[in-house]
Amino acid sequence: MAEHWYVAPGEVLTFTAPSGGVVHGTPYLIGAIVAIATVDAAEGVKFEGYVGPGRVNGPKATGAWTEGQKINWDNTAKKFTTGAGTLVGIAAQAAASGDTTGQVRLDGVTR
């Protein structure tokens, strides 16, 4: 019998909710990837998270963004930023310094 190499699309993956659980629409750093929870889930419960590639709206740190600028995830502040953090994608559109949300094109991997 032939080995099946294709499993499923990879934009949404199943994870175990970290300490404190997860809230729908909120980004979480799970291992080495940022996942946007698609449901609410209590700590230790399996949940699905959107990992990209694709565009998402998320919490944004202070500071202006230009289109195409590299965007990191600050896991301490729990915000997307152009400052220190884990590289997760690019700014999908410009954002003003005072904006509290920004549109990020997730790469589907972290670096």
PDB file of N, CA and C in Angstrom:
ATOM      1  N   MET A   1       0.842  -1.169   0.000  1.00  0.00           N
ATOM      2  CA  MET A   1       0.000   0.000   0.000  1.00  0.00           C
ATOM      3  C   MET A   1       0.896   1.245   0.000  1.00  0.00           C
ATOM      4  N   ALA A   2       0.514   2.253  -0.780  1.00  0.00           N
ATOM      5  CA  ALA A   2       1.288   3.491  -0.887  1.00  0.00           C
ATOM      6  C   ALA A   2       1.156   4.309   0.395  1.00  0.00           C
ATOM      7  N   GLU A   3       2.243   4.959   0.750  1.00  0.00           N
ATOM      8  CA  GLU A   3       2.231   5.843   1.917  1.00  0.00           C
ATOM      9  C   GLU A   3       1.532   7.145   1.552  1.00  0.00           C
ATOM     10  N   HIS A   4       0.639   7.612   2.408  1.00  0.00           N
ATOM     11  CA  HIS A   4      -0.072   8.865   2.171  1.00  0.00           C
ATOM     12  C   HIS A   4       0.723  10.000   2.811  1.00  0.00           C
ATOM     13  N   TRP A   5       1.174  10.943   2.013  1.00  0.00           N
ATOM     14  CA  TRP A   5       1.991  12.034   2.522  1.00  0.00           C
ATOM     15  C   TRP A   5       1.173  13.256   2.879  1.00  0.00           C
ATOM     16  N   TYR A   6       0.057  13.481   2.200  1.00  0.00           N
ATOM     17  CA  TYR A   6      -0.761  14.674   2.483  1.00  0.00           C
ATOM     18  C   TYR A   6      -1.731  14.363   3.604  1.00  0.00           C
ATOM     19  N   VAL A   7      -1.747  15.227   4.632  1.00  0.00           N
ATOM     20  CA  VAL A   7      -2.626  15.008   5.778  1.00  0.00           C
ATOM     21  C   VAL A   7      -3.842  15.922   5.721  1.00  0.00           C
ATOM     22  N   ALA A   8      -3.621  17.236   5.646  1.00  0.00           N
ATOM     23  CA  ALA A   8      -4.719  18.206   5.663  1.00  0.00           C
ATOM     24  C   ALA A   8      -4.144  19.599   5.428  1.00  0.00           C
ATOM     25  N   PRO A   9      -5.005  20.568   5.077  1.00  0.00           N
ATOM     26  CA  PRO A   9      -4.518  21.952   5.017  1.00  0.00           C
ATOM     27  C   PRO A   9      -3.940  22.347   6.374  1.00  0.00           C
ATOM     28  N   GLY A  10      -3.026  23.306   6.396  1.00  0.00           N
ATOM     29  CA  GLY A  10      -2.352  23.639   7.640  1.00  0.00           C
ATOM     30  C   GLY A  10      -2.612  25.024   8.178  1.00  0.00           C
ATOM     31  N   GLU A  11      -3.660  25.701   7.689  1.00  0.00           N
ATOM     32  CA  GLU A  11      -3.939  27.055   8.180  1.00  0.00           C
ATOM     33  C   GLU A  11      -4.479  27.055   9.600  1.00  0.00           C
ATOM     34  N   VAL A  12      -5.139  25.973   9.987  1.00  0.00           N
ATOM     35  CA  VAL A  12      -5.690  25.826  11.331  1.00  0.00           C
ATOM     36  C   VAL A  12      -5.130  24.535  11.918  1.00  0.00           C
ATOM     37  N   LEU A  13      -4.550  24.638  13.111  1.00  0.00           N
ATOM     38  CA  LEU A  13      -3.977  23.478  13.786  1.00  0.00           C
ATOM     39  C   LEU A  13      -4.619  23.312  15.159  1.00  0.00           C
ATOM     40  N   THR A  14      -4.543  22.094  15.690  1.00  0.00           N
ATOM     41  CA  THR A  14      -5.080  21.799  17.013  1.00  0.00           C
ATOM     42  C   THR A  14      -3.957  21.873  18.038  1.00  0.00           C
ATOM     43  N   PHE A  15      -4.219  22.600  19.130  1.00  0.00           N
ATOM     44  CA  PHE A  15      -3.253  22.789  20.209  1.00  0.00           C
ATOM     45  C   PHE A  15      -3.922  22.488  21.544  1.00  0.00           C
ATOM     46  N   THR A  16      -3.126  22.431  22.602  1.00  0.00           N
ATOM     47  CA  THR A  16      -3.632  22.330  23.963  1.00  0.00           C
ATOM     48  C   THR A  16      -3.568  23.720  24.583  1.00  0.00           C
ATOM     49  N   ALA A  17      -4.680  24.187  25.136  1.00  0.00           N
ATOM     50  CA  ALA A  17      -4.738  25.530  25.715  1.00  0.00           C
ATOM     51  C   ALA A  17      -3.736  25.669  26.862  1.00  0.00           C
ATOM     52  N   PRO A  18      -2.959  26.758  26.846  1.00  0.00           N
ATOM     53  CA  PRO A  18      -1.964  26.991  27.894  1.00  0.00           C
ATOM     54  C   PRO A  18      -2.608  27.438  29.203  1.00  0.00           C
ATOM     55  N   SER A  19      -1.762  27.678  30.189  1.00  0.00           N
ATOM     56  CA  SER A  19      -2.207  28.157  31.493  1.00  0.00           C
ATOM     57  C   SER A  19      -3.141  29.353  31.332  1.00  0.00           C
ATOM     58  N   GLY A  20      -4.293  29.313  31.972  1.00  0.00           N
ATOM     59  CA  GLY A  20      -5.276  30.389  31.877  1.00  0.00           C
ATOM     60  C   GLY A  20      -6.277  30.204  30.755  1.00  0.00           C
ATOM     61  N   GLY A  21      -6.033  29.214  29.874  1.00  0.00           N
ATOM     62  CA  GLY A  21      -6.948  28.971  28.767  1.00  0.00           C
ATOM     63  C   GLY A  21      -6.759  29.965  27.636  1.00  0.00           C
ATOM     64  N   VAL A  22      -7.651  29.898  26.647  1.00  0.00           N
ATOM     65  CA  VAL A  22      -7.587  30.795  25.496  1.00  0.00           C
ATOM     66  C   VAL A  22      -8.948  31.422  25.240  1.00  0.00           C
ATOM     67  N   VAL A  23      -8.907  32.590  24.605  1.00  0.00           N
ATOM     68  CA  VAL A  23     -10.124  33.330  24.265  1.00  0.00           C
ATOM     69  C   VAL A  23     -10.171  33.501  22.754  1.00  0.00           C
ATOM     70  N   HIS A  24     -11.319  33.217  22.180  1.00  0.00           N
ATOM     71  CA  HIS A  24     -11.539  33.341  20.737  1.00  0.00           C
ATOM     72  C   HIS A  24     -11.025  34.675  20.211  1.00  0.00           C
ATOM     73  N   GLY A  25     -10.268  34.635  19.107  1.00  0.00           N
ATOM     74  CA  GLY A  25      -9.790  35.844  18.467  1.00  0.00           C
ATOM     75  C   GLY A  25      -8.518  36.425  19.065  1.00  0.00           C
ATOM     76  N   THR A  26      -7.968  35.777  20.084  1.00  0.00           N
ATOM     77  CA  THR A  26      -6.772  36.271  20.752  1.00  0.00           C
ATOM     78  C   THR A  26      -5.546  35.482  20.304  1.00  0.00           C
ATOM     79  N   PRO A  27      -4.431  36.166  20.008  1.00  0.00           N
ATOM     80  CA  PRO A  27      -3.199  35.465  19.635  1.00  0.00           C
ATOM     81  C   PRO A  27      -2.487  34.863  20.851  1.00  0.00           C
ATOM     82  N   TYR A  28      -1.876  33.698  20.642  1.00  0.00           N
ATOM     83  CA  TYR A  28      -1.087  33.025  21.678  1.00  0.00           C
ATOM     84  C   TYR A  28       0.164  32.457  21.036  1.00  0.00           C
ATOM     85  N   LEU A  29       1.296  32.551  21.733  1.00  0.00           N
ATOM     86  CA  LEU A  29       2.515  31.903  21.281  1.00  0.00           C
ATOM     87  C   LEU A  29       2.473  30.484  21.820  1.00  0.00           C
ATOM     88  N   ILE A  30       2.335  29.532  20.912  1.00  0.00           N
ATOM     89  CA  ILE A  30       2.276  28.117  21.274  1.00  0.00           C
ATOM     90  C   ILE A  30       3.544  27.480  20.718  1.00  0.00           C
ATOM     91  N   GLY A  31       4.464  27.149  21.589  1.00  0.00           N
ATOM     92  CA  GLY A  31       5.747  26.631  21.124  1.00  0.00           C
ATOM     93  C   GLY A  31       6.438  27.685  20.284  1.00  0.00           C
ATOM     94  N   ALA A  32       6.589  27.414  18.977  1.00  0.00           N
ATOM     95  CA  ALA A  32       7.300  28.338  18.091  1.00  0.00           C
ATOM     96  C   ALA A  32       6.383  28.956  17.041  1.00  0.00           C
ATOM     97  N   ILE A  33       5.078  29.046  17.346  1.00  0.00           N
ATOM     98  CA  ILE A  33       4.156  29.627  16.373  1.00  0.00           C
ATOM     99  C   ILE A  33       3.080  30.445  17.081  1.00  0.00           C
ATOM    100  N   VAL A  34       2.668  31.532  16.438  1.00  0.00           N
ATOM    101  CA  VAL A  34       1.560  32.322  16.967  1.00  0.00           C
ATOM    102  C   VAL A  34       0.272  31.769  16.370  1.00  0.00           C
ATOM    103  N   ALA A  35      -0.674  31.441  17.241  1.00  0.00           N
ATOM    104  CA  ALA A  35      -1.969  30.912  16.828  1.00  0.00           C
ATOM    105  C   ALA A  35      -3.058  31.834  17.343  1.00  0.00           C
ATOM    106  N   ILE A  36      -4.038  32.139  16.481  1.00  0.00           N
ATOM    107  CA  ILE A  36      -5.199  32.926  16.878  1.00  0.00           C
ATOM    108  C   ILE A  36      -6.297  31.933  17.241  1.00  0.00           C
ATOM    109  N   ALA A  37      -6.699  31.932  18.504  1.00  0.00           N
ATOM    110  CA  ALA A  37      -7.708  30.975  18.963  1.00  0.00           C
ATOM    111  C   ALA A  37      -9.012  31.168  18.197  1.00  0.00           C
ATOM    112  N   THR A  38      -9.581  30.080  17.705  1.00  0.00           N
ATOM    113  CA  THR A  38     -10.854  30.150  16.980  1.00  0.00           C
ATOM    114  C   THR A  38     -12.049  29.904  17.900  1.00  0.00           C
ATOM    115  N   VAL A  39     -11.771  29.490  19.132  1.00  0.00           N
ATOM    116  CA  VAL A  39     -12.806  29.237  20.143  1.00  0.00           C
ATOM    117  C   VAL A  39     -12.238  29.589  21.516  1.00  0.00           C
ATOM    118  N   ASP A  40     -13.114  29.698  22.509  1.00  0.00           N
ATOM    119  CA  ASP A  40     -12.677  29.784  23.898  1.00  0.00           C
ATOM    120  C   ASP A  40     -12.385  28.365  24.372  1.00  0.00           C
ATOM    121  N   ALA A  41     -11.343  28.187  25.180  1.00  0.00           N
ATOM    122  CA  ALA A  41     -11.043  26.866  25.724  1.00  0.00           C
ATOM    123  C   ALA A  41     -10.345  27.013  27.064  1.00  0.00           C
ATOM    124  N   ALA A  42     -10.705  26.163  28.001  1.00  0.00           N
ATOM    125  CA  ALA A  42     -10.083  26.164  29.323  1.00  0.00           C
ATOM    126  C   ALA A  42      -8.677  25.558  29.243  1.00  0.00           C
ATOM    127  N   GLU A  43      -7.862  25.888  30.210  1.00  0.00           N
ATOM    128  CA  GLU A  43      -6.504  25.356  30.294  1.00  0.00           C
ATOM    129  C   GLU A  43      -6.504  23.835  30.136  1.00  0.00           C
ATOM    130  N   GLY A  44      -5.620  23.321  29.303  1.00  0.00           N
ATOM    131  CA  GLY A  44      -5.475  21.883  29.105  1.00  0.00           C
ATOM    132  C   GLY A  44      -6.421  21.273  28.088  1.00  0.00           C
ATOM    133  N   VAL A  45      -7.387  22.053  27.601  1.00  0.00           N
ATOM    134  CA  VAL A  45      -8.375  21.568  26.638  1.00  0.00           C
ATOM    135  C   VAL A  45      -7.856  21.814  25.218  1.00  0.00           C
ATOM    136  N   LYS A  46      -8.129  20.893  24.311  1.00  0.00           N
ATOM    137  CA  LYS A  46      -7.728  21.062  22.915  1.00  0.00           C
ATOM    138  C   LYS A  46      -8.548  22.186  22.283  1.00  0.00           C
ATOM    139  N   PHE A  47      -7.891  22.985  21.432  1.00  0.00           N
ATOM    140  CA  PHE A  47      -8.569  24.041  20.699  1.00  0.00           C
ATOM    141  C   PHE A  47      -7.911  24.189  19.345  1.00  0.00           C
ATOM    142  N   GLU A  48      -8.624  24.797  18.414  1.00  0.00           N
ATOM    143  CA  GLU A  48      -8.058  25.068  17.105  1.00  0.00           C
ATOM    144  C   GLU A  48      -7.596  26.514  17.051  1.00  0.00           C
ATOM    145  N   GLY A  49      -6.435  26.711  16.421  1.00  0.00           N
ATOM    146  CA  GLY A  49      -5.875  28.049  16.281  1.00  0.00           C
ATOM    147  C   GLY A  49      -5.469  28.301  14.841  1.00  0.00           C
ATOM    148  N   TYR A  50      -5.806  29.478  14.344  1.00  0.00           N
ATOM    149  CA  TYR A  50      -5.412  29.885  12.991  1.00  0.00           C
ATOM    150  C   TYR A  50      -3.950  30.311  13.033  1.00  0.00           C
ATOM    151  N   VAL A  51      -3.129  29.721  12.156  1.00  0.00           N
ATOM    152  CA  VAL A  51      -1.695  30.017  12.149  1.00  0.00           C
ATOM    153  C   VAL A  51      -1.230  30.655  10.842  1.00  0.00           C
ATOM    154  N   GLY A  52      -2.120  30.801   9.876  1.00  0.00           N
ATOM    155  CA  GLY A  52      -1.766  31.407   8.593  1.00  0.00           C
ATOM    156  C   GLY A  52      -1.238  30.380   7.617  1.00  0.00           C
ATOM    157  N   PRO A  53      -0.760  30.779   6.487  1.00  0.00           N
ATOM    158  CA  PRO A  53      -0.532  32.171   6.140  1.00  0.00           C
ATOM    159  C   PRO A  53      -1.833  32.891   5.807  1.00  0.00           C
ATOM    160  N   GLY A  54      -1.898  34.144   6.180  1.00  0.00           N
ATOM    161  CA  GLY A  54      -3.065  34.966   5.925  1.00  0.00           C
ATOM    162  C   GLY A  54      -3.049  36.205   6.787  1.00  0.00           C
ATOM    163  N   ARG A  55      -4.057  37.079   6.580  1.00  0.00           N
ATOM    164  CA  ARG A  55      -4.134  38.353   7.310  1.00  0.00           C
ATOM    165  C   ARG A  55      -5.048  38.243   8.515  1.00  0.00           C
ATOM    166  N   VAL A  56      -4.601  38.862   9.609  1.00  0.00           N
ATOM    167  CA  VAL A  56      -5.393  38.900  10.838  1.00  0.00           C
ATOM    168  C   VAL A  56      -5.320  40.304  11.432  1.00  0.00           C
ATOM    169  N   ASN A  57      -6.342  40.676  12.186  1.00  0.00           N
ATOM    170  CA  ASN A  57      -6.313  41.887  13.001  1.00  0.00           C
ATOM    171  C   ASN A  57      -5.914  41.453  14.393  1.00  0.00           C
ATOM    172  N   GLY A  58      -5.020  42.209  15.027  1.00  0.00           N
ATOM    173  CA  GLY A  58      -4.594  41.827  16.366  1.00  0.00           C
ATOM    174  C   GLY A  58      -4.152  43.013  17.176  1.00  0.00           C
ATOM    175  N   PRO A  59      -3.914  42.776  18.478  1.00  0.00           N
ATOM    176  CA  PRO A  59      -3.492  43.852  19.374  1.00  0.00           C
ATOM    177  C   PRO A  59      -2.131  44.399  18.948  1.00  0.00           C
ATOM    178  N   LYS A  60      -2.014  45.730  18.932  1.00  0.00           N
ATOM    179  CA  LYS A  60      -0.821  46.391  18.410  1.00  0.00           C
ATOM    180  C   LYS A  60      -0.173  47.248  19.492  1.00  0.00           C
ATOM    181  N   ALA A  61       1.144  47.136  19.593  1.00  0.00           N
ATOM    182  CA  ALA A  61       1.905  48.003  20.496  1.00  0.00           C
ATOM    183  C   ALA A  61       1.980  49.413  19.916  1.00  0.00           C
ATOM    184  N   THR A  62       2.313  50.381  20.741  1.00  0.00           N
ATOM    185  CA  THR A  62       2.507  51.756  20.294  1.00  0.00           C
ATOM    186  C   THR A  62       3.642  51.813  19.284  1.00  0.00           C
ATOM    187  N   GLY A  63       3.469  52.633  18.263  1.00  0.00           N
ATOM    188  CA  GLY A  63       4.471  52.792  17.214  1.00  0.00           C
ATOM    189  C   GLY A  63       3.811  52.651  15.861  1.00  0.00           C
ATOM    190  N   ALA A  64       4.209  53.489  14.929  1.00  0.00           N
ATOM    191  CA  ALA A  64       3.619  53.460  13.587  1.00  0.00           C
ATOM    192  C   ALA A  64       4.152  52.268  12.790  1.00  0.00           C
ATOM    193  N   TRP A  65       3.310  51.741  11.895  1.00  0.00           N
ATOM    194  CA  TRP A  65       3.695  50.662  10.986  1.00  0.00           C
ATOM    195  C   TRP A  65       3.598  51.171   9.560  1.00  0.00           C
ATOM    196  N   THR A  66       4.510  50.729   8.728  1.00  0.00           N
ATOM    197  CA  THR A  66       4.418  50.990   7.293  1.00  0.00           C
ATOM    198  C   THR A  66       4.090  49.679   6.592  1.00  0.00           C
ATOM    199  N   GLU A  67       3.475  49.790   5.432  1.00  0.00           N
ATOM    200  CA  GLU A  67       3.121  48.582   4.678  1.00  0.00           C
ATOM    201  C   GLU A  67       4.359  47.728   4.434  1.00  0.00           C
ATOM    202  N   GLY A  68       4.233  46.435   4.692  1.00  0.00           N
ATOM    203  CA  GLY A  68       5.315  45.504   4.433  1.00  0.00           C
ATOM    204  C   GLY A  68       6.390  45.448   5.502  1.00  0.00           C
ATOM    205  N   GLN A  69       6.273  46.248   6.551  1.00  0.00           N
ATOM    206  CA  GLN A  69       7.271  46.256   7.621  1.00  0.00           C
ATOM    207  C   GLN A  69       7.217  44.944   8.398  1.00  0.00           C
ATOM    208  N   LYS A  70       8.375  44.431   8.822  1.00  0.00           N
ATOM    209  CA  LYS A  70       8.423  43.203   9.616  1.00  0.00           C
ATOM    210  C   LYS A  70       7.708  43.418  10.945  1.00  0.00           C
ATOM    211  N   ILE A  71       6.898  42.418  11.322  1.00  0.00           N
ATOM    212  CA  ILE A  71       6.127  42.484  12.563  1.00  0.00           C
ATOM    213  C   ILE A  71       6.505  41.305  13.460  1.00  0.00           C
ATOM    214  N   ASN A  72       6.732  41.633  14.725  1.00  0.00           N
ATOM    215  CA  ASN A  72       7.073  40.624  15.735  1.00  0.00           C
ATOM    216  C   ASN A  72       5.922  40.427  16.707  1.00  0.00           C
ATOM    217  N   TRP A  73       5.952  39.328  17.445  1.00  0.00           N
ATOM    218  CA  TRP A  73       5.017  39.084  18.534  1.00  0.00           C
ATOM    219  C   TRP A  73       5.768  39.270  19.842  1.00  0.00           C
ATOM    220  N   ASP A  74       5.303  40.214  20.676  1.00  0.00           N
ATOM    221  CA  ASP A  74       5.860  40.438  22.000  1.00  0.00           C
ATOM    222  C   ASP A  74       5.040  39.595  22.970  1.00  0.00           C
ATOM    223  N   ASN A  75       5.595  38.467  23.385  1.00  0.00           N
ATOM    224  CA  ASN A  75       4.831  37.537  24.211  1.00  0.00           C
ATOM    225  C   ASN A  75       4.651  38.029  25.646  1.00  0.00           C
ATOM    226  N   THR A  76       5.433  39.013  26.079  1.00  0.00           N
ATOM    227  CA  THR A  76       5.251  39.586  27.414  1.00  0.00           C
ATOM    228  C   THR A  76       4.070  40.561  27.398  1.00  0.00           C
ATOM    229  N   ALA A  77       4.060  41.466  26.425  1.00  0.00           N
ATOM    230  CA  ALA A  77       2.979  42.453  26.319  1.00  0.00           C
ATOM    231  C   ALA A  77       1.744  41.883  25.635  1.00  0.00           C
ATOM    232  N   LYS A  78       1.906  40.715  24.946  1.00  0.00           N
ATOM    233  CA  LYS A  78       0.812  40.069  24.199  1.00  0.00           C
ATOM    234  C   LYS A  78       0.302  40.989  23.096  1.00  0.00           C
ATOM    235  N   LYS A  79       1.258  41.566  22.329  1.00  0.00           N
ATOM    236  CA  LYS A  79       0.912  42.485  21.238  1.00  0.00           C
ATOM    237  C   LYS A  79       1.858  42.290  20.057  1.00  0.00           C
ATOM    238  N   PHE A  80       1.344  42.622  18.865  1.00  0.00           N
ATOM    239  CA  PHE A  80       2.187  42.692  17.680  1.00  0.00           C
ATOM    240  C   PHE A  80       2.965  43.994  17.740  1.00  0.00           C
ATOM    241  N   THR A  81       4.228  43.959  17.295  1.00  0.00           N
ATOM    242  CA  THR A  81       5.101  45.108  17.440  1.00  0.00           C
ATOM    243  C   THR A  81       6.183  45.126  16.374  1.00  0.00           C
ATOM    244  N   THR A  82       6.771  46.285  16.164  1.00  0.00           N
ATOM    245  CA  THR A  82       7.964  46.382  15.327  1.00  0.00           C
ATOM    246  C   THR A  82       9.204  46.333  16.206  1.00  0.00           C
ATOM    247  N   GLY A  83       9.014  46.289  17.516  1.00  0.00           N
ATOM    248  CA  GLY A  83      10.117  46.209  18.465  1.00  0.00           C
ATOM    249  C   GLY A  83      10.545  44.769  18.691  1.00  0.00           C
ATOM    250  N   ALA A  84      11.130  44.513  19.845  1.00  0.00           N
ATOM    251  CA  ALA A  84      11.643  43.186  20.177  1.00  0.00           C
ATOM    252  C   ALA A  84      10.529  42.156  20.247  1.00  0.00           C
ATOM    253  N   GLY A  85      10.832  40.963  19.805  1.00  0.00           N
ATOM    254  CA  GLY A  85       9.879  39.870  19.854  1.00  0.00           C
ATOM    255  C   GLY A  85      10.221  38.802  18.830  1.00  0.00           C
ATOM    256  N   THR A  86       9.279  37.921  18.584  1.00  0.00           N
ATOM    257  CA  THR A  86       9.439  36.823  17.643  1.00  0.00           C
ATOM    258  C   THR A  86       8.842  37.227  16.306  1.00  0.00           C
ATOM    259  N   LEU A  87       9.634  37.193  15.243  1.00  0.00           N
ATOM    260  CA  LEU A  87       9.156  37.571  13.914  1.00  0.00           C
ATOM    261  C   LEU A  87       8.030  36.636  13.467  1.00  0.00           C
ATOM    262  N   VAL A  88       6.863  37.225  13.113  1.00  0.00           N
ATOM    263  CA  VAL A  88       5.710  36.414  12.722  1.00  0.00           C
ATOM    264  C   VAL A  88       5.136  36.789  11.362  1.00  0.00           C
ATOM    265  N   GLY A  89       5.538  37.938  10.794  1.00  0.00           N
ATOM    266  CA  GLY A  89       4.989  38.333   9.500  1.00  0.00           C
ATOM    267  C   GLY A  89       5.319  39.767   9.168  1.00  0.00           C
ATOM    268  N   ILE A  90       4.418  40.387   8.394  1.00  0.00           N
ATOM    269  CA  ILE A  90       4.589  41.776   7.976  1.00  0.00           C
ATOM    270  C   ILE A  90       3.310  42.558   8.221  1.00  0.00           C
ATOM    271  N   ALA A  91       3.437  43.883   8.248  1.00  0.00           N
ATOM    272  CA  ALA A  91       2.262  44.752   8.348  1.00  0.00           C
ATOM    273  C   ALA A  91       1.515  44.674   7.020  1.00  0.00           C
ATOM    274  N   ALA A  92       0.271  44.253   7.063  1.00  0.00           N
ATOM    275  CA  ALA A  92      -0.543  44.148   5.846  1.00  0.00           C
ATOM    276  C   ALA A  92      -1.046  45.509   5.398  1.00  0.00           C
ATOM    277  N   GLN A  93      -1.041  46.473   6.324  1.00  0.00           N
ATOM    278  CA  GLN A  93      -1.402  47.850   6.004  1.00  0.00           C
ATOM    279  C   GLN A  93      -0.748  48.767   7.031  1.00  0.00           C
ATOM    280  N   ALA A  94      -0.605  50.014   6.662  1.00  0.00           N
ATOM    281  CA  ALA A  94      -0.007  50.992   7.570  1.00  0.00           C
ATOM    282  C   ALA A  94      -0.909  51.185   8.785  1.00  0.00           C
ATOM    283  N   ALA A  95      -0.295  51.556   9.919  1.00  0.00           N
ATOM    284  CA  ALA A  95      -1.044  51.833  11.142  1.00  0.00           C
ATOM    285  C   ALA A  95      -0.378  53.009  11.856  1.00  0.00           C
ATOM    286  N   ALA A  96      -1.199  53.836  12.474  1.00  0.00           N
ATOM    287  CA  ALA A  96      -0.698  54.989  13.219  1.00  0.00           C
ATOM    288  C   ALA A  96      -0.157  54.542  14.573  1.00  0.00           C
ATOM    289  N   SER A  97       0.692  55.336  15.152  1.00  0.00           N
ATOM    290  CA  SER A  97       1.313  55.002  16.426  1.00  0.00           C
ATOM    291  C   SER A  97       0.289  54.708  17.515  1.00  0.00           C
ATOM    292  N   GLY A  98      -0.782  55.487  17.561  1.00  0.00           N
ATOM    293  CA  GLY A  98      -1.782  55.315  18.609  1.00  0.00           C
ATOM    294  C   GLY A  98      -2.815  54.237  18.353  1.00  0.00           C
ATOM    295  N   ASP A  99      -2.791  53.601  17.171  1.00  0.00           N
ATOM    296  CA  ASP A  99      -3.747  52.524  16.885  1.00  0.00           C
ATOM    297  C   ASP A  99      -3.523  51.370  17.862  1.00  0.00           C
ATOM    298  N   THR A 100      -4.603  50.787  18.352  1.00  0.00           N
ATOM    299  CA  THR A 100      -4.484  49.674  19.296  1.00  0.00           C
ATOM    300  C   THR A 100      -4.597  48.317  18.616  1.00  0.00           C
ATOM    301  N   THR A 101      -5.007  48.302  17.349  1.00  0.00           N
ATOM    302  CA  THR A 101      -5.012  47.067  16.572  1.00  0.00           C
ATOM    303  C   THR A 101      -4.315  47.328  15.245  1.00  0.00           C
ATOM    304  N   GLY A 102      -3.781  46.264  14.680  1.00  0.00           N
ATOM    305  CA  GLY A 102      -3.109  46.362  13.397  1.00  0.00           C
ATOM    306  C   GLY A 102      -3.364  45.107  12.586  1.00  0.00           C
ATOM    307  N   GLN A 103      -3.242  45.244  11.267  1.00  0.00           N
ATOM    308  CA  GLN A 103      -3.460  44.101  10.391  1.00  0.00           C
ATOM    309  C   GLN A 103      -2.113  43.494  10.021  1.00  0.00           C
ATOM    310  N   VAL A 104      -1.954  42.211  10.337  1.00  0.00           N
ATOM    311  CA  VAL A 104      -0.701  41.493  10.125  1.00  0.00           C
ATOM    312  C   VAL A 104      -0.924  40.353   9.145  1.00  0.00           C
ATOM    313  N   ARG A 105      -0.003  40.219   8.220  1.00  0.00           N
ATOM    314  CA  ARG A 105      -0.001  39.056   7.320  1.00  0.00           C
ATOM    315  C   ARG A 105       0.924  38.029   7.974  1.00  0.00           C
ATOM    316  N   LEU A 106       0.312  37.019   8.631  1.00  0.00           N
ATOM    317  CA  LEU A 106       1.096  35.979   9.293  1.00  0.00           C
ATOM    318  C   LEU A 106       1.791  35.118   8.246  1.00  0.00           C
ATOM    319  N   ASP A 107       3.026  34.751   8.515  1.00  0.00           N
ATOM    320  CA  ASP A 107       3.784  33.894   7.604  1.00  0.00           C
ATOM    321  C   ASP A 107       3.455  32.427   7.788  1.00  0.00           C
ATOM    322  N   GLY A 108       2.845  32.066   8.926  1.00  0.00           N
ATOM    323  CA  GLY A 108       2.576  30.658   9.206  1.00  0.00           C
ATOM    324  C   GLY A 108       3.736  29.991   9.928  1.00  0.00           C
ATOM    325  N   VAL A 109       4.807  30.733  10.183  1.00  0.00           N
ATOM    326  CA  VAL A 109       5.939  30.227  10.951  1.00  0.00           C
ATOM    327  C   VAL A 109       6.513  31.385  11.752  1.00  0.00           C
ATOM    328  N   THR A 110       7.267  31.072  12.790  1.00  0.00           N
ATOM    329  CA  THR A 110       7.978  32.119  13.519  1.00  0.00           C
ATOM    330  C   THR A 110       9.462  31.931  13.298  1.00  0.00           C
ATOM    331  N   ARG A 111      10.216  32.991  13.548  1.00  0.00           N
ATOM    332  CA  ARG A 111      11.668  32.911  13.372  1.00  0.00           C
ATOM    333  C   ARG A 111      12.375  33.435  14.584  1.00  0.00           C
TER     334      ARG A 111
END
